[in-house]
Amino acid sequence: MENKILSTVKAWLPHCILECHQDSEYSVLQDVAEYCLTRFEGEVEEQQMAKEAMNIIGILYGGGSLHVRNAIENEFLERLACCESPASLRKHLAYFPKEMRQVYMKTILEN
């Protein structure tokens, strides 16, 4: 049975996930984080693709249950935060929907 994370990512961001990870919501969220990380520093089109993926995750987060929000914080945001540096933080925050910026900052500070 698919949950909200799996069904949403498979419908809107199928190009972000590895075939072997399609059954685990945690792996799927990590795949989307990796997708975004590889496109943050790319061409403008690639950056736009990362921003679109971030918006989909933001919609999931905003309308999600406690389980969905925790999964996004623990798998998606945590993965992004591990690769963050002071020099890139401002630029990367611009990719996030406004509602998720504060959550991302909280994730960085807690880890």
N, C-alpha and C. Protein backbone atom coordinates (compact mmCIF):
# COMPACT_ATOMS: atom_id res chain seq x y z
N MET A 1 0.84 -1.18 0.00
CA MET A 1 0.00 0.00 0.00
C MET A 1 0.89 1.25 0.00
N GLU A 2 0.63 2.15 -0.91
CA GLU A 2 1.41 3.38 -1.00
C GLU A 2 0.86 4.43 -0.06
N ASN A 3 1.76 5.19 0.52
CA ASN A 3 1.33 6.28 1.37
C ASN A 3 1.42 7.59 0.60
N LYS A 4 1.16 8.66 1.29
CA LYS A 4 1.12 9.99 0.65
C LYS A 4 2.46 10.40 0.05
N ILE A 5 3.54 10.12 0.74
CA ILE A 5 4.86 10.50 0.24
C ILE A 5 5.17 9.75 -1.05
N LEU A 6 5.02 8.44 -1.02
CA LEU A 6 5.33 7.64 -2.20
C LEU A 6 4.47 8.01 -3.39
N SER A 7 3.18 8.12 -3.16
CA SER A 7 2.28 8.42 -4.29
C SER A 7 2.53 9.81 -4.86
N THR A 8 2.80 10.79 -4.03
CA THR A 8 3.05 12.15 -4.51
C THR A 8 4.36 12.24 -5.28
N VAL A 9 5.42 11.69 -4.72
CA VAL A 9 6.72 11.76 -5.38
C VAL A 9 6.70 10.97 -6.69
N LYS A 10 6.07 9.81 -6.70
CA LYS A 10 5.99 9.02 -7.93
C LYS A 10 5.18 9.74 -9.00
N ALA A 11 4.17 10.49 -8.59
CA ALA A 11 3.32 11.19 -9.56
C ALA A 11 3.99 12.46 -10.09
N TRP A 12 4.63 13.22 -9.22
CA TRP A 12 5.15 14.53 -9.59
C TRP A 12 6.65 14.56 -9.86
N LEU A 13 7.40 13.66 -9.23
CA LEU A 13 8.86 13.69 -9.35
C LEU A 13 9.44 12.29 -9.65
N PRO A 14 8.87 11.57 -10.60
CA PRO A 14 9.36 10.20 -10.83
C PRO A 14 10.82 10.15 -11.28
N HIS A 15 11.29 11.21 -11.91
CA HIS A 15 12.67 11.28 -12.39
C HIS A 15 13.68 11.45 -11.25
N CYS A 16 13.21 11.70 -10.04
CA CYS A 16 14.11 11.94 -8.91
C CYS A 16 14.48 10.66 -8.15
N ILE A 17 13.73 9.60 -8.34
CA ILE A 17 13.92 8.43 -7.49
C ILE A 17 14.56 7.28 -8.26
N LEU A 18 15.39 6.55 -7.55
CA LEU A 18 16.02 5.37 -8.10
C LEU A 18 15.01 4.22 -8.10
N GLU A 19 15.10 3.38 -9.08
CA GLU A 19 14.14 2.29 -9.22
C GLU A 19 14.15 1.36 -8.00
N CYS A 20 15.31 1.13 -7.42
CA CYS A 20 15.41 0.22 -6.28
C CYS A 20 14.85 0.82 -4.99
N HIS A 21 14.56 2.11 -4.97
CA HIS A 21 14.07 2.78 -3.76
C HIS A 21 12.58 3.11 -3.80
N GLN A 22 11.85 2.60 -4.75
CA GLN A 22 10.47 3.03 -4.95
C GLN A 22 9.49 2.54 -3.88
N ASP A 23 9.92 1.65 -3.00
CA ASP A 23 9.00 1.13 -2.00
C ASP A 23 9.22 1.69 -0.60
N SER A 24 10.23 2.52 -0.43
CA SER A 24 10.54 3.08 0.88
C SER A 24 10.42 4.59 0.84
N GLU A 25 9.52 5.12 1.65
CA GLU A 25 9.33 6.58 1.66
C GLU A 25 10.60 7.30 2.11
N TYR A 26 11.36 6.68 2.98
CA TYR A 26 12.58 7.31 3.47
C TYR A 26 13.64 7.38 2.37
N SER A 27 13.79 6.30 1.63
CA SER A 27 14.74 6.29 0.51
C SER A 27 14.31 7.26 -0.58
N VAL A 28 13.03 7.33 -0.82
CA VAL A 28 12.51 8.25 -1.84
C VAL A 28 12.82 9.69 -1.45
N LEU A 29 12.61 10.04 -0.19
CA LEU A 29 12.92 11.40 0.26
C LEU A 29 14.41 11.69 0.16
N GLN A 30 15.25 10.72 0.46
CA GLN A 30 16.68 10.91 0.33
C GLN A 30 17.07 11.08 -1.13
N ASP A 31 16.42 10.33 -2.03
CA ASP A 31 16.69 10.46 -3.46
C ASP A 31 16.32 11.86 -3.96
N VAL A 32 15.20 12.39 -3.50
CA VAL A 32 14.80 13.73 -3.92
C VAL A 32 15.79 14.76 -3.37
N ALA A 33 16.27 14.56 -2.17
CA ALA A 33 17.29 15.47 -1.60
C ALA A 33 18.56 15.43 -2.44
N GLU A 34 19.00 14.25 -2.81
CA GLU A 34 20.19 14.13 -3.66
C GLU A 34 19.97 14.80 -5.02
N TYR A 35 18.79 14.63 -5.56
CA TYR A 35 18.43 15.26 -6.83
C TYR A 35 18.57 16.78 -6.71
N CYS A 36 18.04 17.33 -5.63
CA CYS A 36 18.13 18.78 -5.42
C CYS A 36 19.58 19.22 -5.22
N LEU A 37 20.33 18.49 -4.43
CA LEU A 37 21.72 18.85 -4.17
C LEU A 37 22.55 18.90 -5.45
N THR A 38 22.31 17.97 -6.35
CA THR A 38 23.09 17.95 -7.59
C THR A 38 22.70 19.07 -8.54
N ARG A 39 21.53 19.65 -8.35
CA ARG A 39 21.07 20.70 -9.26
C ARG A 39 21.21 22.11 -8.69
N PHE A 40 21.48 22.25 -7.43
CA PHE A 40 21.65 23.57 -6.82
C PHE A 40 22.72 24.39 -7.52
N GLU A 41 23.79 23.77 -7.88
CA GLU A 41 24.93 24.49 -8.46
C GLU A 41 24.99 24.40 -9.98
N GLY A 42 23.95 23.86 -10.60
CA GLY A 42 23.96 23.69 -12.05
C GLY A 42 23.49 24.91 -12.79
N GLU A 43 23.15 24.68 -14.04
CA GLU A 43 22.62 25.74 -14.90
C GLU A 43 21.27 26.23 -14.37
N VAL A 44 20.79 27.32 -14.91
CA VAL A 44 19.53 27.92 -14.45
C VAL A 44 18.38 26.93 -14.57
N GLU A 45 18.34 26.18 -15.66
CA GLU A 45 17.27 25.18 -15.84
C GLU A 45 17.32 24.12 -14.76
N GLU A 46 18.52 23.66 -14.42
CA GLU A 46 18.66 22.66 -13.37
C GLU A 46 18.26 23.23 -12.01
N GLN A 47 18.62 24.47 -11.76
CA GLN A 47 18.23 25.10 -10.50
C GLN A 47 16.72 25.21 -10.40
N GLN A 48 16.07 25.50 -11.53
CA GLN A 48 14.60 25.58 -11.55
C GLN A 48 13.99 24.21 -11.26
N MET A 49 14.61 23.16 -11.76
CA MET A 49 14.12 21.80 -11.49
C MET A 49 14.22 21.48 -10.00
N ALA A 50 15.31 21.92 -9.37
CA ALA A 50 15.47 21.71 -7.93
C ALA A 50 14.41 22.49 -7.16
N LYS A 51 14.14 23.71 -7.60
CA LYS A 51 13.13 24.53 -6.93
C LYS A 51 11.74 23.91 -7.05
N GLU A 52 11.43 23.34 -8.20
CA GLU A 52 10.14 22.67 -8.38
C GLU A 52 10.02 21.46 -7.45
N ALA A 53 11.10 20.70 -7.33
CA ALA A 53 11.09 19.55 -6.42
C ALA A 53 10.89 20.01 -4.98
N MET A 54 11.55 21.10 -4.62
CA MET A 54 11.40 21.65 -3.27
C MET A 54 9.96 22.10 -3.02
N ASN A 55 9.33 22.67 -4.03
CA ASN A 55 7.94 23.09 -3.88
C ASN A 55 7.01 21.91 -3.65
N ILE A 56 7.23 20.81 -4.36
CA ILE A 56 6.41 19.61 -4.17
C ILE A 56 6.59 19.08 -2.74
N ILE A 57 7.83 19.04 -2.28
CA ILE A 57 8.08 18.59 -0.90
C ILE A 57 7.43 19.56 0.09
N GLY A 58 7.47 20.85 -0.22
CA GLY A 58 6.83 21.85 0.65
C GLY A 58 5.32 21.65 0.73
N ILE A 59 4.70 21.31 -0.38
CA ILE A 59 3.26 21.04 -0.38
C ILE A 59 2.96 19.81 0.45
N LEU A 60 3.78 18.78 0.28
CA LEU A 60 3.63 17.57 1.09
C LEU A 60 3.76 17.88 2.57
N TYR A 61 4.75 18.69 2.91
CA TYR A 61 5.00 19.04 4.30
C TYR A 61 3.83 19.84 4.88
N GLY A 62 3.39 20.82 4.14
CA GLY A 62 2.32 21.69 4.63
C GLY A 62 1.00 20.98 4.85
N GLY A 63 0.69 20.01 4.03
CA GLY A 63 -0.58 19.30 4.15
C GLY A 63 -0.46 17.92 4.75
N GLY A 64 0.74 17.62 5.25
CA GLY A 64 0.98 16.27 5.73
C GLY A 64 0.67 16.06 7.20
N SER A 65 0.55 14.80 7.53
CA SER A 65 0.35 14.40 8.92
C SER A 65 1.66 14.56 9.68
N LEU A 66 1.63 14.31 10.95
CA LEU A 66 2.84 14.38 11.77
C LEU A 66 3.88 13.41 11.23
N HIS A 67 3.45 12.23 10.83
CA HIS A 67 4.37 11.23 10.27
C HIS A 67 5.05 11.76 9.01
N VAL A 68 4.29 12.36 8.11
CA VAL A 68 4.84 12.89 6.86
C VAL A 68 5.82 14.02 7.16
N ARG A 69 5.45 14.93 8.04
CA ARG A 69 6.34 16.05 8.38
C ARG A 69 7.63 15.55 9.02
N ASN A 70 7.53 14.58 9.92
CA ASN A 70 8.73 14.03 10.55
C ASN A 70 9.62 13.33 9.54
N ALA A 71 9.02 12.59 8.62
CA ALA A 71 9.81 11.90 7.60
C ALA A 71 10.54 12.92 6.73
N ILE A 72 9.87 13.99 6.35
CA ILE A 72 10.52 15.02 5.53
C ILE A 72 11.65 15.68 6.31
N GLU A 73 11.41 16.00 7.56
CA GLU A 73 12.46 16.63 8.37
C GLU A 73 13.65 15.68 8.56
N ASN A 74 13.38 14.41 8.85
CA ASN A 74 14.45 13.47 9.18
C ASN A 74 15.20 12.93 7.97
N GLU A 75 14.56 12.82 6.84
CA GLU A 75 15.21 12.24 5.67
C GLU A 75 15.58 13.27 4.61
N PHE A 76 14.68 14.15 4.27
CA PHE A 76 14.92 15.13 3.21
C PHE A 76 15.74 16.31 3.73
N LEU A 77 15.23 16.99 4.73
CA LEU A 77 15.92 18.18 5.24
C LEU A 77 17.26 17.83 5.89
N GLU A 78 17.30 16.71 6.58
CA GLU A 78 18.54 16.28 7.22
C GLU A 78 19.63 16.04 6.17
N ARG A 79 19.26 15.41 5.07
CA ARG A 79 20.23 15.15 4.00
C ARG A 79 20.74 16.45 3.40
N LEU A 80 19.86 17.40 3.19
CA LEU A 80 20.28 18.69 2.66
C LEU A 80 21.16 19.43 3.66
N ALA A 81 20.80 19.38 4.93
CA ALA A 81 21.54 20.10 5.97
C ALA A 81 22.96 19.56 6.14
N CYS A 82 23.15 18.28 5.92
CA CYS A 82 24.49 17.69 6.06
C CYS A 82 25.48 18.27 5.06
N CYS A 83 24.99 18.73 3.94
CA CYS A 83 25.86 19.26 2.89
C CYS A 83 25.90 20.79 2.87
N GLU A 84 25.30 21.41 3.85
CA GLU A 84 25.20 22.87 3.89
C GLU A 84 26.48 23.50 4.43
N SER A 85 26.82 24.65 3.91
CA SER A 85 27.95 25.42 4.42
C SER A 85 27.48 26.86 4.63
N PRO A 86 28.18 27.62 5.44
CA PRO A 86 27.77 29.01 5.65
C PRO A 86 27.72 29.81 4.35
N ALA A 87 28.60 29.48 3.42
CA ALA A 87 28.64 30.23 2.15
C ALA A 87 27.45 29.92 1.25
N SER A 88 26.88 28.72 1.38
CA SER A 88 25.79 28.34 0.47
C SER A 88 24.40 28.49 1.09
N LEU A 89 24.33 28.72 2.38
CA LEU A 89 23.04 28.73 3.07
C LEU A 89 22.05 29.73 2.49
N ARG A 90 22.47 30.95 2.30
CA ARG A 90 21.56 31.99 1.78
C ARG A 90 21.01 31.62 0.40
N LYS A 91 21.90 31.14 -0.45
CA LYS A 91 21.48 30.75 -1.80
C LYS A 91 20.48 29.59 -1.75
N HIS A 92 20.77 28.60 -0.93
CA HIS A 92 19.91 27.43 -0.86
C HIS A 92 18.57 27.73 -0.21
N LEU A 93 18.55 28.63 0.75
CA LEU A 93 17.27 29.01 1.37
C LEU A 93 16.30 29.59 0.35
N ALA A 94 16.82 30.23 -0.68
CA ALA A 94 15.96 30.81 -1.71
C ALA A 94 15.19 29.75 -2.48
N TYR A 95 15.67 28.52 -2.49
CA TYR A 95 14.99 27.43 -3.18
C TYR A 95 13.78 26.92 -2.40
N PHE A 96 13.79 27.12 -1.10
CA PHE A 96 12.72 26.59 -0.25
C PHE A 96 11.47 27.44 -0.33
N PRO A 97 10.30 26.81 -0.25
CA PRO A 97 9.08 27.60 -0.06
C PRO A 97 9.18 28.33 1.27
N LYS A 98 8.58 29.49 1.37
CA LYS A 98 8.70 30.31 2.59
C LYS A 98 8.35 29.54 3.85
N GLU A 99 7.33 28.68 3.75
CA GLU A 99 6.86 27.95 4.92
C GLU A 99 7.90 26.97 5.45
N MET A 100 8.81 26.54 4.59
CA MET A 100 9.79 25.53 5.01
C MET A 100 11.13 26.10 5.42
N ARG A 101 11.36 27.35 5.19
CA ARG A 101 12.67 27.94 5.51
C ARG A 101 12.97 27.85 7.00
N GLN A 102 11.99 28.16 7.81
CA GLN A 102 12.20 28.11 9.26
C GLN A 102 12.43 26.68 9.73
N VAL A 103 11.73 25.73 9.14
CA VAL A 103 11.91 24.33 9.50
C VAL A 103 13.31 23.86 9.11
N TYR A 104 13.78 24.31 7.95
CA TYR A 104 15.13 23.95 7.51
C TYR A 104 16.18 24.53 8.46
N MET A 105 16.01 25.76 8.84
CA MET A 105 16.95 26.39 9.79
C MET A 105 16.94 25.61 11.11
N LYS A 106 15.78 25.21 11.57
CA LYS A 106 15.68 24.43 12.80
C LYS A 106 16.43 23.10 12.65
N THR A 107 16.30 22.47 11.49
CA THR A 107 17.01 21.21 11.25
C THR A 107 18.51 21.42 11.29
N ILE A 108 18.98 22.49 10.70
CA ILE A 108 20.42 22.78 10.71
C ILE A 108 20.91 23.00 12.14
N LEU A 109 20.17 23.78 12.91
CA LEU A 109 20.59 24.11 14.27
C LEU A 109 20.56 22.88 15.19
N GLU A 110 19.62 21.97 14.97
CA GLU A 110 19.50 20.79 15.82
C GLU A 110 20.55 19.74 15.51
N ASN A 111 21.11 19.82 14.33
CA ASN A 111 22.08 18.79 13.94
C ASN A 111 23.40 19.42 13.75
